[in-house]
Amino acid sequence: MMQEAIFFDTLRQGLWIAVMISAPILAVALVAGVTVGLFQALTSVQEMTLTFVPKALAMLIVFWVSMSFMSATLVAFFTDRIIPLIAGN
């Protein structure tokens, strides 16, 4: 019973970290998509590259800016939670 609790708690923490790491990129993709969609609706420009390029560029910039946060969060999770579980502590 205790092993199941540790497993599910670790799984819950891992999923929460995945949400925290992906939230900035997904939020920027949402804002960029809505902005480009609004621009396309207002100007009647229906170009496929106009939807893809700004969104990809914004996501790439946010990924580059938040890469240190993402790395630090994952390293902390592995060193504080996963490695002690593997080592048996």
PDB file of N, CA and C in Angstrom:
ATOM      1  N   MET A   1       0.826  -1.193   0.000  1.00  0.00           N
ATOM      2  CA  MET A   1       0.000   0.000   0.000  1.00  0.00           C
ATOM      3  C   MET A   1       0.867   1.251   0.000  1.00  0.00           C
ATOM      4  N   MET A   2       1.945   1.240   0.760  1.00  0.00           N
ATOM      5  CA  MET A   2       2.810   2.413   0.821  1.00  0.00           C
ATOM      6  C   MET A   2       3.513   2.632  -0.511  1.00  0.00           C
ATOM      7  N   GLN A   3       3.880   1.551  -1.204  1.00  0.00           N
ATOM      8  CA  GLN A   3       4.536   1.684  -2.500  1.00  0.00           C
ATOM      9  C   GLN A   3       3.604   2.335  -3.525  1.00  0.00           C
ATOM     10  N   GLU A   4       2.321   2.012  -3.475  1.00  0.00           N
ATOM     11  CA  GLU A   4       1.361   2.624  -4.383  1.00  0.00           C
ATOM     12  C   GLU A   4       1.219   4.118  -4.108  1.00  0.00           C
ATOM     13  N   ALA A   5       1.229   4.495  -2.848  1.00  0.00           N
ATOM     14  CA  ALA A   5       1.114   5.901  -2.493  1.00  0.00           C
ATOM     15  C   ALA A   5       2.325   6.686  -2.989  1.00  0.00           C
ATOM     16  N   ILE A   6       3.498   6.120  -2.850  1.00  0.00           N
ATOM     17  CA  ILE A   6       4.709   6.781  -3.336  1.00  0.00           C
ATOM     18  C   ILE A   6       4.660   6.902  -4.861  1.00  0.00           C
ATOM     19  N   PHE A   7       4.225   5.850  -5.527  1.00  0.00           N
ATOM     20  CA  PHE A   7       4.128   5.854  -6.984  1.00  0.00           C
ATOM     21  C   PHE A   7       3.161   6.936  -7.463  1.00  0.00           C
ATOM     22  N   PHE A   8       1.969   6.969  -6.888  1.00  0.00           N
ATOM     23  CA  PHE A   8       0.968   7.934  -7.333  1.00  0.00           C
ATOM     24  C   PHE A   8       1.346   9.367  -6.970  1.00  0.00           C
ATOM     25  N   ASP A   9       2.026   9.545  -5.839  1.00  0.00           N
ATOM     26  CA  ASP A   9       2.474  10.881  -5.475  1.00  0.00           C
ATOM     27  C   ASP A   9       3.560  11.364  -6.430  1.00  0.00           C
ATOM     28  N   THR A  10       4.466  10.490  -6.793  1.00  0.00           N
ATOM     29  CA  THR A  10       5.510  10.840  -7.752  1.00  0.00           C
ATOM     30  C   THR A  10       4.912  11.121  -9.123  1.00  0.00           C
ATOM     31  N   LEU A  11       3.948  10.330  -9.524  1.00  0.00           N
ATOM     32  CA  LEU A  11       3.264  10.548 -10.794  1.00  0.00           C
ATOM     33  C   LEU A  11       2.533  11.891 -10.801  1.00  0.00           C
ATOM     34  N   ARG A  12       1.871  12.222  -9.700  1.00  0.00           N
ATOM     35  CA  ARG A  12       1.168  13.495  -9.591  1.00  0.00           C
ATOM     36  C   ARG A  12       2.142  14.656  -9.681  1.00  0.00           C
ATOM     37  N   GLN A  13       3.271  14.542  -8.986  1.00  0.00           N
ATOM     38  CA  GLN A  13       4.283  15.604  -9.049  1.00  0.00           C
ATOM     39  C   GLN A  13       4.850  15.743 -10.457  1.00  0.00           C
ATOM     40  N   GLY A  14       5.094  14.632 -11.120  1.00  0.00           N
ATOM     41  CA  GLY A  14       5.612  14.674 -12.487  1.00  0.00           C
ATOM     42  C   GLY A  14       4.648  15.322 -13.458  1.00  0.00           C
ATOM     43  N   LEU A  15       3.366  15.004 -13.308  1.00  0.00           N
ATOM     44  CA  LEU A  15       2.360  15.626 -14.178  1.00  0.00           C
ATOM     45  C   LEU A  15       2.240  17.122 -13.906  1.00  0.00           C
ATOM     46  N   TRP A  16       2.318  17.516 -12.636  1.00  0.00           N
ATOM     47  CA  TRP A  16       2.241  18.940 -12.310  1.00  0.00           C
ATOM     48  C   TRP A  16       3.449  19.692 -12.865  1.00  0.00           C
ATOM     49  N   ILE A  17       4.621  19.080 -12.811  1.00  0.00           N
ATOM     50  CA  ILE A  17       5.808  19.708 -13.373  1.00  0.00           C
ATOM     51  C   ILE A  17       5.679  19.815 -14.890  1.00  0.00           C
ATOM     52  N   ALA A  18       5.103  18.815 -15.530  1.00  0.00           N
ATOM     53  CA  ALA A  18       4.878  18.882 -16.976  1.00  0.00           C
ATOM     54  C   ALA A  18       3.941  20.036 -17.326  1.00  0.00           C
ATOM     55  N   VAL A  19       2.927  20.253 -16.512  1.00  0.00           N
ATOM     56  CA  VAL A  19       2.009  21.371 -16.732  1.00  0.00           C
ATOM     57  C   VAL A  19       2.735  22.699 -16.537  1.00  0.00           C
ATOM     58  N   MET A  20       3.527  22.807 -15.478  1.00  0.00           N
ATOM     59  CA  MET A  20       4.255  24.056 -15.208  1.00  0.00           C
ATOM     60  C   MET A  20       5.250  24.371 -16.321  1.00  0.00           C
ATOM     61  N   ILE A  21       5.903  23.360 -16.836  1.00  0.00           N
ATOM     62  CA  ILE A  21       6.906  23.576 -17.883  1.00  0.00           C
ATOM     63  C   ILE A  21       6.256  23.945 -19.213  1.00  0.00           C
ATOM     64  N   SER A  22       5.140  23.326 -19.527  1.00  0.00           N
ATOM     65  CA  SER A  22       4.518  23.576 -20.829  1.00  0.00           C
ATOM     66  C   SER A  22       3.598  24.792 -20.835  1.00  0.00           C
ATOM     67  N   ALA A  23       3.209  25.304 -19.684  1.00  0.00           N
ATOM     68  CA  ALA A  23       2.251  26.412 -19.625  1.00  0.00           C
ATOM     69  C   ALA A  23       2.718  27.681 -20.339  1.00  0.00           C
ATOM     70  N   PRO A  24       3.955  28.143 -20.165  1.00  0.00           N
ATOM     71  CA  PRO A  24       4.341  29.372 -20.878  1.00  0.00           C
ATOM     72  C   PRO A  24       4.278  29.232 -22.395  1.00  0.00           C
ATOM     73  N   ILE A  25       4.734  28.108 -22.920  1.00  0.00           N
ATOM     74  CA  ILE A  25       4.729  27.911 -24.366  1.00  0.00           C
ATOM     75  C   ILE A  25       3.297  27.801 -24.889  1.00  0.00           C
ATOM     76  N   LEU A  26       2.463  27.063 -24.173  1.00  0.00           N
ATOM     77  CA  LEU A  26       1.077  26.914 -24.612  1.00  0.00           C
ATOM     78  C   LEU A  26       0.304  28.221 -24.522  1.00  0.00           C
ATOM     79  N   ALA A  27       0.577  29.018 -23.486  1.00  0.00           N
ATOM     80  CA  ALA A  27      -0.104  30.310 -23.354  1.00  0.00           C
ATOM     81  C   ALA A  27       0.282  31.248 -24.491  1.00  0.00           C
ATOM     82  N   VAL A  28       1.557  31.271 -24.841  1.00  0.00           N
ATOM     83  CA  VAL A  28       1.993  32.128 -25.941  1.00  0.00           C
ATOM     84  C   VAL A  28       1.425  31.632 -27.270  1.00  0.00           C
ATOM     85  N   ALA A  29       1.352  30.325 -27.462  1.00  0.00           N
ATOM     86  CA  ALA A  29       0.761  29.785 -28.680  1.00  0.00           C
ATOM     87  C   ALA A  29      -0.718  30.172 -28.776  1.00  0.00           C
ATOM     88  N   LEU A  30      -1.418  30.145 -27.654  1.00  0.00           N
ATOM     89  CA  LEU A  30      -2.824  30.535 -27.645  1.00  0.00           C
ATOM     90  C   LEU A  30      -2.992  32.007 -27.991  1.00  0.00           C
ATOM     91  N   VAL A  31      -2.208  32.862 -27.355  1.00  0.00           N
ATOM     92  CA  VAL A  31      -2.318  34.302 -27.609  1.00  0.00           C
ATOM     93  C   VAL A  31      -1.935  34.623 -29.047  1.00  0.00           C
ATOM     94  N   ALA A  32      -0.857  34.022 -29.543  1.00  0.00           N
ATOM     95  CA  ALA A  32      -0.444  34.272 -30.923  1.00  0.00           C
ATOM     96  C   ALA A  32      -1.483  33.757 -31.910  1.00  0.00           C
ATOM     97  N   GLY A  33      -2.056  32.603 -31.649  1.00  0.00           N
ATOM     98  CA  GLY A  33      -3.078  32.054 -32.529  1.00  0.00           C
ATOM     99  C   GLY A  33      -4.331  32.905 -32.573  1.00  0.00           C
ATOM    100  N   VAL A  34      -4.763  33.382 -31.421  1.00  0.00           N
ATOM    101  CA  VAL A  34      -5.955  34.246 -31.377  1.00  0.00           C
ATOM    102  C   VAL A  34      -5.669  35.571 -32.067  1.00  0.00           C
ATOM    103  N   THR A  35      -4.482  36.129 -31.842  1.00  0.00           N
ATOM    104  CA  THR A  35      -4.129  37.402 -32.465  1.00  0.00           C
ATOM    105  C   THR A  35      -4.071  37.273 -33.987  1.00  0.00           C
ATOM    106  N   VAL A  36      -3.418  36.240 -34.490  1.00  0.00           N
ATOM    107  CA  VAL A  36      -3.324  36.041 -35.934  1.00  0.00           C
ATOM    108  C   VAL A  36      -4.693  35.724 -36.515  1.00  0.00           C
ATOM    109  N   GLY A  37      -5.483  34.935 -35.814  1.00  0.00           N
ATOM    110  CA  GLY A  37      -6.837  34.636 -36.279  1.00  0.00           C
ATOM    111  C   GLY A  37      -7.709  35.874 -36.345  1.00  0.00           C
ATOM    112  N   LEU A  38      -7.587  36.735 -35.359  1.00  0.00           N
ATOM    113  CA  LEU A  38      -8.334  37.991 -35.367  1.00  0.00           C
ATOM    114  C   LEU A  38      -7.872  38.879 -36.512  1.00  0.00           C
ATOM    115  N   PHE A  39      -6.560  38.946 -36.703  1.00  0.00           N
ATOM    116  CA  PHE A  39      -6.024  39.727 -37.822  1.00  0.00           C
ATOM    117  C   PHE A  39      -6.532  39.197 -39.163  1.00  0.00           C
ATOM    118  N   GLN A  40      -6.546  37.868 -39.315  1.00  0.00           N
ATOM    119  CA  GLN A  40      -7.030  37.273 -40.562  1.00  0.00           C
ATOM    120  C   GLN A  40      -8.518  37.528 -40.761  1.00  0.00           C
ATOM    121  N   ALA A  41      -9.282  37.478 -39.690  1.00  0.00           N
ATOM    122  CA  ALA A  41     -10.722  37.722 -39.817  1.00  0.00           C
ATOM    123  C   ALA A  41     -11.007  39.183 -40.162  1.00  0.00           C
ATOM    124  N   LEU A  42     -10.226  40.092 -39.611  1.00  0.00           N
ATOM    125  CA  LEU A  42     -10.458  41.511 -39.877  1.00  0.00           C
ATOM    126  C   LEU A  42      -9.997  41.931 -41.266  1.00  0.00           C
ATOM    127  N   THR A  43      -8.950  41.294 -41.771  1.00  0.00           N
ATOM    128  CA  THR A  43      -8.403  41.707 -43.068  1.00  0.00           C
ATOM    129  C   THR A  43      -8.769  40.757 -44.206  1.00  0.00           C
ATOM    130  N   SER A  44      -9.430  39.670 -43.940  1.00  0.00           N
ATOM    131  CA  SER A  44      -9.803  38.648 -44.930  1.00  0.00           C
ATOM    132  C   SER A  44      -8.588  38.049 -45.640  1.00  0.00           C
ATOM    133  N   VAL A  45      -7.452  38.039 -44.974  1.00  0.00           N
ATOM    134  CA  VAL A  45      -6.254  37.404 -45.510  1.00  0.00           C
ATOM    135  C   VAL A  45      -6.239  35.969 -44.999  1.00  0.00           C
ATOM    136  N   GLN A  46      -6.268  35.010 -45.921  1.00  0.00           N
ATOM    137  CA  GLN A  46      -6.303  33.598 -45.533  1.00  0.00           C
ATOM    138  C   GLN A  46      -5.043  32.894 -46.012  1.00  0.00           C
ATOM    139  N   GLU A  47      -3.921  33.296 -45.495  1.00  0.00           N
ATOM    140  CA  GLU A  47      -2.635  32.709 -45.856  1.00  0.00           C
ATOM    141  C   GLU A  47      -2.222  31.712 -44.779  1.00  0.00           C
ATOM    142  N   MET A  48      -1.880  30.493 -45.169  1.00  0.00           N
ATOM    143  CA  MET A  48      -1.547  29.448 -44.195  1.00  0.00           C
ATOM    144  C   MET A  48      -0.238  29.743 -43.465  1.00  0.00           C
ATOM    145  N   THR A  49       0.734  30.319 -44.159  1.00  0.00           N
ATOM    146  CA  THR A  49       1.998  30.604 -43.486  1.00  0.00           C
ATOM    147  C   THR A  49       1.841  31.720 -42.474  1.00  0.00           C
ATOM    148  N   LEU A  50       0.845  32.560 -42.648  1.00  0.00           N
ATOM    149  CA  LEU A  50       0.612  33.645 -41.698  1.00  0.00           C
ATOM    150  C   LEU A  50       0.167  33.103 -40.347  1.00  0.00           C
ATOM    151  N   THR A  51      -0.477  31.954 -40.328  1.00  0.00           N
ATOM    152  CA  THR A  51      -0.882  31.373 -39.043  1.00  0.00           C
ATOM    153  C   THR A  51       0.260  30.615 -38.389  1.00  0.00           C
ATOM    154  N   PHE A  52       1.114  30.001 -39.193  1.00  0.00           N
ATOM    155  CA  PHE A  52       2.148  29.126 -38.644  1.00  0.00           C
ATOM    156  C   PHE A  52       3.392  29.882 -38.194  1.00  0.00           C
ATOM    157  N   VAL A  53       3.904  30.762 -39.013  1.00  0.00           N
ATOM    158  CA  VAL A  53       5.202  31.395 -38.748  1.00  0.00           C
ATOM    159  C   VAL A  53       5.192  32.246 -37.477  1.00  0.00           C
ATOM    160  N   PRO A  54       4.231  33.151 -37.268  1.00  0.00           N
ATOM    161  CA  PRO A  54       4.277  33.939 -36.029  1.00  0.00           C
ATOM    162  C   PRO A  54       4.123  33.088 -34.775  1.00  0.00           C
ATOM    163  N   LYS A  55       3.269  32.081 -34.857  1.00  0.00           N
ATOM    164  CA  LYS A  55       3.073  31.212 -33.700  1.00  0.00           C
ATOM    165  C   LYS A  55       4.338  30.419 -33.391  1.00  0.00           C
ATOM    166  N   ALA A  56       4.963  29.870 -34.408  1.00  0.00           N
ATOM    167  CA  ALA A  56       6.193  29.109 -34.201  1.00  0.00           C
ATOM    168  C   ALA A  56       7.316  30.011 -33.688  1.00  0.00           C
ATOM    169  N   LEU A  57       7.408  31.210 -34.222  1.00  0.00           N
ATOM    170  CA  LEU A  57       8.438  32.150 -33.784  1.00  0.00           C
ATOM    171  C   LEU A  57       8.229  32.562 -32.333  1.00  0.00           C
ATOM    172  N   ALA A  58       6.991  32.854 -31.957  1.00  0.00           N
ATOM    173  CA  ALA A  58       6.697  33.238 -30.569  1.00  0.00           C
ATOM    174  C   ALA A  58       6.990  32.086 -29.616  1.00  0.00           C
ATOM    175  N   MET A  59       6.635  30.871 -30.007  1.00  0.00           N
ATOM    176  CA  MET A  59       6.896  29.713 -29.153  1.00  0.00           C
ATOM    177  C   MET A  59       8.398  29.468 -29.013  1.00  0.00           C
ATOM    178  N   LEU A  60       9.137  29.660 -30.089  1.00  0.00           N
ATOM    179  CA  LEU A  60      10.586  29.474 -30.043  1.00  0.00           C
ATOM    180  C   LEU A  60      11.238  30.505 -29.124  1.00  0.00           C
ATOM    181  N   ILE A  61      10.790  31.740 -29.177  1.00  0.00           N
ATOM    182  CA  ILE A  61      11.340  32.791 -28.318  1.00  0.00           C
ATOM    183  C   ILE A  61      11.038  32.495 -26.852  1.00  0.00           C
ATOM    184  N   VAL A  62       9.801  32.101 -26.561  1.00  0.00           N
ATOM    185  CA  VAL A  62       9.434  31.794 -25.175  1.00  0.00           C
ATOM    186  C   VAL A  62      10.188  30.565 -24.685  1.00  0.00           C
ATOM    187  N   PHE A  63      10.374  29.591 -25.539  1.00  0.00           N
ATOM    188  CA  PHE A  63      11.149  28.414 -25.149  1.00  0.00           C
ATOM    189  C   PHE A  63      12.581  28.804 -24.819  1.00  0.00           C
ATOM    190  N   TRP A  64      13.168  29.652 -25.643  1.00  0.00           N
ATOM    191  CA  TRP A  64      14.542  30.080 -25.412  1.00  0.00           C
ATOM    192  C   TRP A  64      14.669  30.867 -24.106  1.00  0.00           C
ATOM    193  N   VAL A  65      13.675  31.735 -23.823  1.00  0.00           N
ATOM    194  CA  VAL A  65      13.708  32.543 -22.602  1.00  0.00           C
ATOM    195  C   VAL A  65      13.489  31.683 -21.363  1.00  0.00           C
ATOM    196  N   SER A  66      12.590  30.719 -21.440  1.00  0.00           N
ATOM    197  CA  SER A  66      12.238  29.930 -20.256  1.00  0.00           C
ATOM    198  C   SER A  66      12.995  28.610 -20.152  1.00  0.00           C
ATOM    199  N   MET A  67      13.993  28.415 -20.989  1.00  0.00           N
ATOM    200  CA  MET A  67      14.737  27.159 -20.964  1.00  0.00           C
ATOM    201  C   MET A  67      15.458  26.927 -19.635  1.00  0.00           C
ATOM    202  N   SER A  68      15.985  27.969 -19.027  1.00  0.00           N
ATOM    203  CA  SER A  68      16.680  27.783 -17.747  1.00  0.00           C
ATOM    204  C   SER A  68      15.692  27.383 -16.652  1.00  0.00           C
ATOM    205  N   PHE A  69      14.496  27.976 -16.660  1.00  0.00           N
ATOM    206  CA  PHE A  69      13.459  27.594 -15.701  1.00  0.00           C
ATOM    207  C   PHE A  69      13.060  26.133 -15.887  1.00  0.00           C
ATOM    208  N   MET A  70      12.872  25.737 -17.139  1.00  0.00           N
ATOM    209  CA  MET A  70      12.476  24.354 -17.418  1.00  0.00           C
ATOM    210  C   MET A  70      13.554  23.371 -16.976  1.00  0.00           C
ATOM    211  N   SER A  71      14.794  23.671 -17.294  1.00  0.00           N
ATOM    212  CA  SER A  71      15.897  22.780 -16.914  1.00  0.00           C
ATOM    213  C   SER A  71      16.049  22.690 -15.404  1.00  0.00           C
ATOM    214  N   ALA A  72      15.979  23.828 -14.732  1.00  0.00           N
ATOM    215  CA  ALA A  72      16.123  23.835 -13.272  1.00  0.00           C
ATOM    216  C   ALA A  72      14.981  23.060 -12.612  1.00  0.00           C
ATOM    217  N   THR A  73      13.779  23.195 -13.124  1.00  0.00           N
ATOM    218  CA  THR A  73      12.637  22.480 -12.561  1.00  0.00           C
ATOM    219  C   THR A  73      12.785  20.973 -12.732  1.00  0.00           C
ATOM    220  N   LEU A  74      13.189  20.548 -13.920  1.00  0.00           N
ATOM    221  CA  LEU A  74      13.369  19.111 -14.155  1.00  0.00           C
ATOM    222  C   LEU A  74      14.528  18.535 -13.352  1.00  0.00           C
ATOM    223  N   VAL A  75      15.618  19.260 -13.269  1.00  0.00           N
ATOM    224  CA  VAL A  75      16.767  18.775 -12.495  1.00  0.00           C
ATOM    225  C   VAL A  75      16.401  18.662 -11.019  1.00  0.00           C
ATOM    226  N   ALA A  76      15.670  19.653 -10.499  1.00  0.00           N
ATOM    227  CA  ALA A  76      15.250  19.600  -9.099  1.00  0.00           C
ATOM    228  C   ALA A  76      14.325  18.415  -8.849  1.00  0.00           C
ATOM    229  N   PHE A  77      13.413  18.147  -9.770  1.00  0.00           N
ATOM    230  CA  PHE A  77      12.506  17.005  -9.615  1.00  0.00           C
ATOM    231  C   PHE A  77      13.281  15.691  -9.605  1.00  0.00           C
ATOM    232  N   PHE A  78      14.226  15.546 -10.509  1.00  0.00           N
ATOM    233  CA  PHE A  78      14.981  14.302 -10.571  1.00  0.00           C
ATOM    234  C   PHE A  78      15.899  14.126  -9.374  1.00  0.00           C
ATOM    235  N   THR A  79      16.566  15.203  -8.958  1.00  0.00           N
ATOM    236  CA  THR A  79      17.491  15.046  -7.832  1.00  0.00           C
ATOM    237  C   THR A  79      16.769  14.917  -6.505  1.00  0.00           C
ATOM    238  N   ASP A  80      15.633  15.568  -6.349  1.00  0.00           N
ATOM    239  CA  ASP A  80      14.908  15.523  -5.082  1.00  0.00           C
ATOM    240  C   ASP A  80      13.962  14.335  -4.973  1.00  0.00           C
ATOM    241  N   ARG A  81      13.440  13.854  -6.095  1.00  0.00           N
ATOM    242  CA  ARG A  81      12.386  12.843  -6.022  1.00  0.00           C
ATOM    243  C   ARG A  81      12.777  11.512  -6.688  1.00  0.00           C
ATOM    244  N   ILE A  82      13.216  11.564  -7.924  1.00  0.00           N
ATOM    245  CA  ILE A  82      13.409  10.328  -8.691  1.00  0.00           C
ATOM    246  C   ILE A  82      14.678   9.582  -8.247  1.00  0.00           C
ATOM    247  N   ILE A  83      15.788  10.275  -8.156  1.00  0.00           N
ATOM    248  CA  ILE A  83      17.046   9.607  -7.790  1.00  0.00           C
ATOM    249  C   ILE A  83      16.980   8.965  -6.399  1.00  0.00           C
ATOM    250  N   PRO A  84      16.414   9.645  -5.373  1.00  0.00           N
ATOM    251  CA  PRO A  84      16.268   8.942  -4.083  1.00  0.00           C
ATOM    252  C   PRO A  84      15.362   7.701  -4.169  1.00  0.00           C
ATOM    253  N   LEU A  85      14.350   7.732  -5.011  1.00  0.00           N
ATOM    254  CA  LEU A  85      13.503   6.543  -5.174  1.00  0.00           C
ATOM    255  C   LEU A  85      14.287   5.399  -5.821  1.00  0.00           C
ATOM    256  N   ILE A  86      15.110   5.735  -6.800  1.00  0.00           N
ATOM    257  CA  ILE A  86      15.915   4.704  -7.447  1.00  0.00           C
ATOM    258  C   ILE A  86      16.956   4.150  -6.475  1.00  0.00           C
ATOM    259  N   ALA A  87      17.546   5.045  -5.687  1.00  0.00           N
ATOM    260  CA  ALA A  87      18.563   4.621  -4.727  1.00  0.00           C
ATOM    261  C   ALA A  87      17.981   3.878  -3.533  1.00  0.00           C
ATOM    262  N   GLY A  88      16.683   4.003  -3.341  1.00  0.00           N
ATOM    263  CA  GLY A  88      16.026   3.298  -2.251  1.00  0.00           C
ATOM    264  C   GLY A  88      15.954   4.059  -0.954  1.00  0.00           C
ATOM    265  N   ASN A  89      16.127   5.344  -1.004  1.00  0.00           N
ATOM    266  CA  ASN A  89      16.068   6.164   0.231  1.00  0.00           C
ATOM    267  C   ASN A  89      14.660   6.599   0.515  1.00  0.00           C
TER     268      ASN A  89
END
